[in-house]
Each structure stands twice: as structure tokens, then as C-alpha cells.
């Protein structure tokens, strides 16, 4: 069985986000930039998400708000997967 989307996002954030704390303990609505996500790290997270989910983020989703929280990332991914 595939790992749930949110768990995969949290794993990717731990690997590529350079956060100050474990992504698995962050609230889904927590501001990832306040948790330590930089613009550079958000690009690495986006590339890892694209590889993990075999998709490409369109220009309309390449915004700070798309990566603001785990919930925002999940919503963007669900939109692309269901698209």
C-alpha cells in the first residue's frame, strides 16, 4: 500500500527542507517558512515532490503560498493528481 500523501510530504520536507524541527511533528497548517524553510530549500522540496509523485508543478503553483504549509503542499498535489 502506498504511503499517504501527507506522510510522503513530511518525509520529503525532512530530507530536503532544512527545517529547524521534524516535519512529522509540525501541525499541517504551520508556516514552513517560520519553521526554517528557505526559498532555496523550497525549490529542492518541489523537485523532490515532482520526482516522488511523478508530476510537474505548473507556473501557477510556483508561489510561496503553495509551499507555505504541509496542508498547502497537500492541496496543490491533490489538485495536480486529480487534475
C-alpha atoms as a PDB file:
ATOM      1  CA  UNK A   1       0.000   0.000   0.000  1.00  0.00           C
ATOM      2  CA  UNK A   2       1.265   3.480  -0.836  1.00  0.00           C
ATOM      3  CA  UNK A   3       2.225   5.844   1.946  1.00  0.00           C
ATOM      4  CA  UNK A   4      -0.404   8.579   2.473  1.00  0.00           C
ATOM      5  CA  UNK A   5       0.327  11.855   0.675  1.00  0.00           C
ATOM      6  CA  UNK A   6       0.871  13.834   3.872  1.00  0.00           C
ATOM      7  CA  UNK A   7       3.390  11.327   5.237  1.00  0.00           C
ATOM      8  CA  UNK A   8       5.333  11.443   1.956  1.00  0.00           C
ATOM      9  CA  UNK A   9       5.323  15.260   2.070  1.00  0.00           C
ATOM     10  CA  UNK A  10       6.637  15.207   5.641  1.00  0.00           C
ATOM     11  CA  UNK A  11       9.403  12.736   4.686  1.00  0.00           C
ATOM     12  CA  UNK A  12      10.436  14.960   1.763  1.00  0.00           C
ATOM     13  CA  UNK A  13      10.428  18.045   3.995  1.00  0.00           C
ATOM     14  CA  UNK A  14      12.702  16.240   6.455  1.00  0.00           C
ATOM     15  CA  UNK A  15      15.081  15.232   3.663  1.00  0.00           C
ATOM     16  CA  UNK A  16      15.143  18.470   1.655  1.00  0.00           C
ATOM     17  CA  UNK A  17      13.505  21.285   3.643  1.00  0.00           C
ATOM     18  CA  UNK A  18      16.285  22.028   6.134  1.00  0.00           C
ATOM     19  CA  UNK A  19      13.657  22.766   8.764  1.00  0.00           C
ATOM     20  CA  UNK A  20      14.525  23.543  12.357  1.00  0.00           C
ATOM     21  CA  UNK A  21      12.310  20.710  13.582  1.00  0.00           C
ATOM     22  CA  UNK A  22      10.986  17.337  12.477  1.00  0.00           C
ATOM     23  CA  UNK A  23       8.279  17.800   9.845  1.00  0.00           C
ATOM     24  CA  UNK A  24       6.394  14.845  11.339  1.00  0.00           C
ATOM     25  CA  UNK A  25       5.618  16.845  14.485  1.00  0.00           C
ATOM     26  CA  UNK A  26       4.608  20.088  12.770  1.00  0.00           C
ATOM     27  CA  UNK A  27       0.955  20.998  12.538  1.00  0.00           C
ATOM     28  CA  UNK A  28      -0.282  20.684   8.947  1.00  0.00           C
ATOM     29  CA  UNK A  29      -1.130  24.408   8.974  1.00  0.00           C
ATOM     30  CA  UNK A  30       2.192  25.534  10.481  1.00  0.00           C
ATOM     31  CA  UNK A  31       4.122  28.125   8.468  1.00  0.00           C
ATOM     32  CA  UNK A  32       7.030  26.200   6.962  1.00  0.00           C
ATOM     33  CA  UNK A  33       8.996  29.380   6.311  1.00  0.00           C
ATOM     34  CA  UNK A  34       8.849  30.213  10.027  1.00  0.00           C
ATOM     35  CA  UNK A  35       9.963  26.634  10.684  1.00  0.00           C
ATOM     36  CA  UNK A  36      13.114  27.271   8.650  1.00  0.00           C
ATOM     37  CA  UNK A  37      12.200  26.607   5.007  1.00  0.00           C
ATOM     38  CA  UNK A  38      14.202  28.921   2.750  1.00  0.00           C
ATOM     39  CA  UNK A  39      13.431  29.829  -0.850  1.00  0.00           C
ATOM     40  CA  UNK A  40      16.338  27.648  -1.963  1.00  0.00           C
ATOM     41  CA  UNK A  41      15.156  24.699   0.119  1.00  0.00           C
ATOM     42  CA  UNK A  42      11.601  25.118  -1.218  1.00  0.00           C
ATOM     43  CA  UNK A  43      12.960  24.537  -4.744  1.00  0.00           C
ATOM     44  CA  UNK A  44      14.645  21.344  -3.552  1.00  0.00           C
ATOM     45  CA  UNK A  45      11.392  20.271  -1.882  1.00  0.00           C
ATOM     46  CA  UNK A  46       9.463  20.995  -5.091  1.00  0.00           C
ATOM     47  CA  UNK A  47      11.905  18.931  -7.184  1.00  0.00           C
ATOM     48  CA  UNK A  48      11.705  16.040  -4.709  1.00  0.00           C
ATOM     49  CA  UNK A  49       7.898  16.209  -4.725  1.00  0.00           C
ATOM     50  CA  UNK A  50       7.879  16.167  -8.536  1.00  0.00           C
ATOM     51  CA  UNK A  51      10.072  13.071  -8.544  1.00  0.00           C
ATOM     52  CA  UNK A  52       8.149  11.303  -5.776  1.00  0.00           C
ATOM     53  CA  UNK A  53       4.727  11.925  -7.292  1.00  0.00           C
ATOM     54  CA  UNK A  54       5.815  11.805 -10.964  1.00  0.00           C
ATOM     55  CA  UNK A  55       4.339  15.192 -11.822  1.00  0.00           C
ATOM     56  CA  UNK A  56       5.381  18.738 -12.608  1.00  0.00           C
ATOM     57  CA  UNK A  57       4.324  21.858 -10.759  1.00  0.00           C
ATOM     58  CA  UNK A  58       2.860  24.327 -13.268  1.00  0.00           C
ATOM     59  CA  UNK A  59       3.874  28.002 -13.148  1.00  0.00           C
ATOM     60  CA  UNK A  60       0.609  28.922 -11.399  1.00  0.00           C
ATOM     61  CA  UNK A  61       1.682  26.873  -8.362  1.00  0.00           C
ATOM     62  CA  UNK A  62       5.254  28.151  -8.174  1.00  0.00           C
ATOM     63  CA  UNK A  63       4.415  30.589  -5.420  1.00  0.00           C
ATOM     64  CA  UNK A  64       5.440  30.976  -1.815  1.00  0.00           C
ATOM     65  CA  UNK A  65       1.867  30.252  -0.724  1.00  0.00           C
ATOM     66  CA  UNK A  66       1.903  26.831  -2.435  1.00  0.00           C
ATOM     67  CA  UNK A  67       4.721  25.790  -0.084  1.00  0.00           C
ATOM     68  CA  UNK A  68       3.596  27.778   2.982  1.00  0.00           C
ATOM     69  CA  UNK A  69       2.405  24.730   4.908  1.00  0.00           C
ATOM     70  CA  UNK A  70       2.056  20.983   4.668  1.00  0.00           C
ATOM     71  CA  UNK A  71      -1.669  21.494   4.072  1.00  0.00           C
ATOM     72  CA  UNK A  72      -0.937  23.888   1.179  1.00  0.00           C
ATOM     73  CA  UNK A  73       1.506  21.444  -0.416  1.00  0.00           C
ATOM     74  CA  UNK A  74      -1.006  18.628   0.003  1.00  0.00           C
ATOM     75  CA  UNK A  75      -3.771  20.717  -1.612  1.00  0.00           C
ATOM     76  CA  UNK A  76      -1.513  21.540  -4.580  1.00  0.00           C
ATOM     77  CA  UNK A  77      -0.572  17.893  -5.032  1.00  0.00           C
ATOM     78  CA  UNK A  78      -4.155  16.671  -4.795  1.00  0.00           C
ATOM     79  CA  UNK A  79      -5.139  19.292  -7.376  1.00  0.00           C
ATOM     80  CA  UNK A  80      -2.412  18.044  -9.742  1.00  0.00           C
ATOM     81  CA  UNK A  81      -3.054  14.346  -9.148  1.00  0.00           C
ATOM     82  CA  UNK A  82      -6.843  14.664  -9.546  1.00  0.00           C
ATOM     83  CA  UNK A  83      -6.425  17.340 -12.242  1.00  0.00           C
END
